[in-house]
C-alpha atoms as a PDB file:
ATOM      1  CA  MET A   1       3.986  -9.447 -16.359  1.00  0.00           C
ATOM      2  CA  VAL A   2       1.165  -6.917 -16.200  1.00  0.00           C
ATOM      3  CA  GLN A   3      -1.137  -9.507 -14.666  1.00  0.00           C
ATOM      4  CA  THR A   4       1.458 -10.251 -11.991  1.00  0.00           C
ATOM      5  CA  VAL A   5       1.693  -6.578 -11.066  1.00  0.00           C
ATOM      6  CA  ILE A   6      -2.085  -6.214 -10.908  1.00  0.00           C
ATOM      7  CA  ILE A   7      -2.474  -9.312  -8.738  1.00  0.00           C
ATOM      8  CA  ALA A   8       0.391  -8.212  -6.467  1.00  0.00           C
ATOM      9  CA  GLY A   9      -1.177  -4.753  -6.155  1.00  0.00           C
ATOM     10  CA  LEU A  10      -4.544  -6.225  -5.222  1.00  0.00           C
ATOM     11  CA  ILE A  11      -3.036  -8.572  -2.653  1.00  0.00           C
ATOM     12  CA  LEU A  12      -0.987  -5.762  -1.096  1.00  0.00           C
ATOM     13  CA  THR A  13      -4.075  -3.532  -1.054  1.00  0.00           C
ATOM     14  CA  VAL A  14      -6.214  -6.120   0.752  1.00  0.00           C
ATOM     15  CA  LEU A  15      -3.406  -6.834   3.222  1.00  0.00           C
ATOM     16  CA  ASN A  16      -2.937  -3.130   3.877  1.00  0.00           C
ATOM     17  CA  LEU A  17      -6.678  -2.530   4.321  1.00  0.00           C
ATOM     18  CA  VAL A  18      -7.082  -5.393   6.781  1.00  0.00           C
ATOM     19  CA  VAL A  19      -4.162  -4.218   8.920  1.00  0.00           C
ATOM     20  CA  ASN A  20      -5.338  -0.589   8.760  1.00  0.00           C
ATOM     21  CA  ALA A  21      -8.884  -1.556   9.760  1.00  0.00           C
ATOM     22  CA  VAL A  22      -7.636  -3.561  12.745  1.00  0.00           C
ATOM     23  CA  ILE A  23      -5.417  -0.701  13.908  1.00  0.00           C
ATOM     24  CA  LEU A  24      -8.241   1.796  13.374  1.00  0.00           C
ATOM     25  CA  ARG A  25     -10.664  -0.273  15.459  1.00  0.00           C
ATOM     26  CA  ALA A  26      -8.122  -0.697  18.244  1.00  0.00           C
ATOM     27  CA  ASN A  27      -7.188   2.964  18.608  1.00  0.00           C
ATOM     28  CA  LYS A  28      -9.691   5.469  17.245  1.00  0.00           C
ATOM     29  CA  ASN A  29      -7.841   8.656  18.188  1.00  0.00           C
ATOM     30  CA  SER A  30      -4.429   7.730  16.782  1.00  0.00           C
ATOM     31  CA  GLN A  31      -3.035   8.235  13.296  1.00  0.00           C
ATOM     32  CA  ALA A  32      -1.165   4.908  13.470  1.00  0.00           C
ATOM     33  CA  CYS A  33      -3.516   3.365  10.913  1.00  0.00           C
ATOM     34  CA  TYR A  34      -1.768   5.389   8.185  1.00  0.00           C
ATOM     35  CA  TYR A  35       1.788   4.244   8.988  1.00  0.00           C
ATOM     36  CA  LEU A  36       1.634   1.091   6.872  1.00  0.00           C
ATOM     37  CA  SER A  37       0.514   3.096   3.846  1.00  0.00           C
ATOM     38  CA  PHE A  38       3.428   5.499   4.369  1.00  0.00           C
ATOM     39  CA  PHE A  39       5.710   2.465   4.487  1.00  0.00           C
ATOM     40  CA  PHE A  40       4.308   1.197   1.176  1.00  0.00           C
ATOM     41  CA  ILE A  41       4.907   4.602  -0.426  1.00  0.00           C
ATOM     42  CA  ILE A  42       8.525   4.663   0.692  1.00  0.00           C
ATOM     43  CA  VAL A  43       9.100   1.067  -0.447  1.00  0.00           C
ATOM     44  CA  GLY A  44       7.413   1.741  -3.795  1.00  0.00           C
ATOM     45  CA  LEU A  45       9.538   4.792  -4.503  1.00  0.00           C
ATOM     46  CA  LEU A  46      12.709   2.946  -3.496  1.00  0.00           C
ATOM     47  CA  LEU A  47      11.845   0.000  -5.738  1.00  0.00           C
ATOM     48  CA  LEU A  48      11.223   2.337  -8.668  1.00  0.00           C
ATOM     49  CA  ALA A  49      14.563   4.037  -8.031  1.00  0.00           C
ATOM     50  CA  VAL A  50      16.362   0.690  -7.851  1.00  0.00           C
ATOM     51  CA  ALA A  51      14.660  -0.463 -11.061  1.00  0.00           C
ATOM     52  CA  SER A  52      16.046   2.514 -12.956  1.00  0.00           C
ATOM     53  CA  VAL A  53      19.621   1.804 -11.814  1.00  0.00           C
ATOM     54  CA  LEU A  54      19.945  -1.994 -11.799  1.00  0.00           C
ATOM     55  CA  PRO A  55      19.646  -4.260 -14.826  1.00  0.00           C
ATOM     56  CA  LYS A  56      16.463  -6.265 -15.278  1.00  0.00           C
ATOM     57  CA  ALA A  57      15.791  -8.616 -12.391  1.00  0.00           C
ATOM     58  CA  ASP A  58      12.584 -10.576 -11.889  1.00  0.00           C
ATOM     59  CA  LEU A  59      11.125 -11.265  -8.487  1.00  0.00           C
ATOM     60  CA  LEU A  60       8.112 -13.633  -8.545  1.00  0.00           C
ATOM     61  CA  GLY A  61       7.259 -12.728 -12.143  1.00  0.00           C
ATOM     62  CA  ALA A  62       7.633  -8.946 -11.966  1.00  0.00           C
ATOM     63  CA  GLY A  63      10.601  -6.639 -11.948  1.00  0.00           C
ATOM     64  CA  PHE A  64      11.470  -4.126  -9.265  1.00  0.00           C
ATOM     65  CA  GLY A  65       9.542  -1.422 -11.123  1.00  0.00           C
ATOM     66  CA  GLY A  66       6.425  -3.576 -11.210  1.00  0.00           C
ATOM     67  CA  TRP A  67       6.641  -4.223  -7.485  1.00  0.00           C
ATOM     68  CA  GLY A  68       7.123  -0.483  -6.948  1.00  0.00           C
ATOM     69  CA  ILE A  69       4.028   0.304  -8.985  1.00  0.00           C
ATOM     70  CA  ALA A  70       2.032  -2.367  -7.112  1.00  0.00           C
ATOM     71  CA  SER A  71       3.203  -0.907  -3.803  1.00  0.00           C
ATOM     72  CA  LEU A  72       2.238   2.632  -4.753  1.00  0.00           C
ATOM     73  CA  PHE A  73      -1.152   1.434  -6.003  1.00  0.00           C
ATOM     74  CA  ALA A  74      -1.784  -0.385  -2.722  1.00  0.00           C
ATOM     75  CA  ALA A  75      -0.789   2.680  -0.711  1.00  0.00           C
ATOM     76  CA  ALA A  76      -3.003   5.048  -2.710  1.00  0.00           C
ATOM     77  CA  ILE A  77      -6.133   2.899  -2.532  1.00  0.00           C
ATOM     78  CA  SER A  78      -5.532   2.098   1.145  1.00  0.00           C
ATOM     79  CA  PHE A  79      -5.086   5.774   2.018  1.00  0.00           C
ATOM     80  CA  MET A  80      -8.417   6.621   0.405  1.00  0.00           C
ATOM     81  CA  ILE A  81     -10.416   3.822   1.995  1.00  0.00           C
ATOM     82  CA  THR A  82      -8.767   4.168   5.412  1.00  0.00           C
ATOM     83  CA  SER A  83      -9.407   7.909   5.483  1.00  0.00           C
ATOM     84  CA  ILE A  84     -13.079   7.299   4.687  1.00  0.00           C
ATOM     85  CA  LEU A  85     -13.325   4.681   7.452  1.00  0.00           C
ATOM     86  CA  ASP A  86     -11.528   7.035   9.850  1.00  0.00           C
ATOM     87  CA  ALA A  87     -13.860   9.906   8.994  1.00  0.00           C
ATOM     88  CA  TYR A  88     -16.984   7.822   9.546  1.00  0.00           C
ATOM     89  CA  GLN A  89     -15.686   6.387  12.797  1.00  0.00           C
ATOM     90  CA  ASN A  90     -14.844   9.797  14.260  1.00  0.00           C
ATOM     91  CA  VAL A  91     -18.075  11.550  13.299  1.00  0.00           C
ATOM     92  CA  GLU A  92     -20.024  12.998  16.167  1.00  0.00           C
ATOM     93  CA  ALA A  93     -23.631  13.607  15.250  1.00  0.00           C
END
């Protein structure tokens, strides 16, 4: 189950980074590139809350808590990398 959560987190991270990079390239002055990461944070926290209330339920090899952890991992890594890309794109030398 741990491997499923790690793989899901990596896939969600790559998906999030690709979408954030496309949005960042399209509109350099907007903060819209961070909206998907905010969405993943909200979904991750909701999944963790649901996992603590409901009995064990597996979804594609991981429980709701595992999907919540994968979502939060994807959001954290994507926030860091997107903010670095945003900073380098908006630098004025």
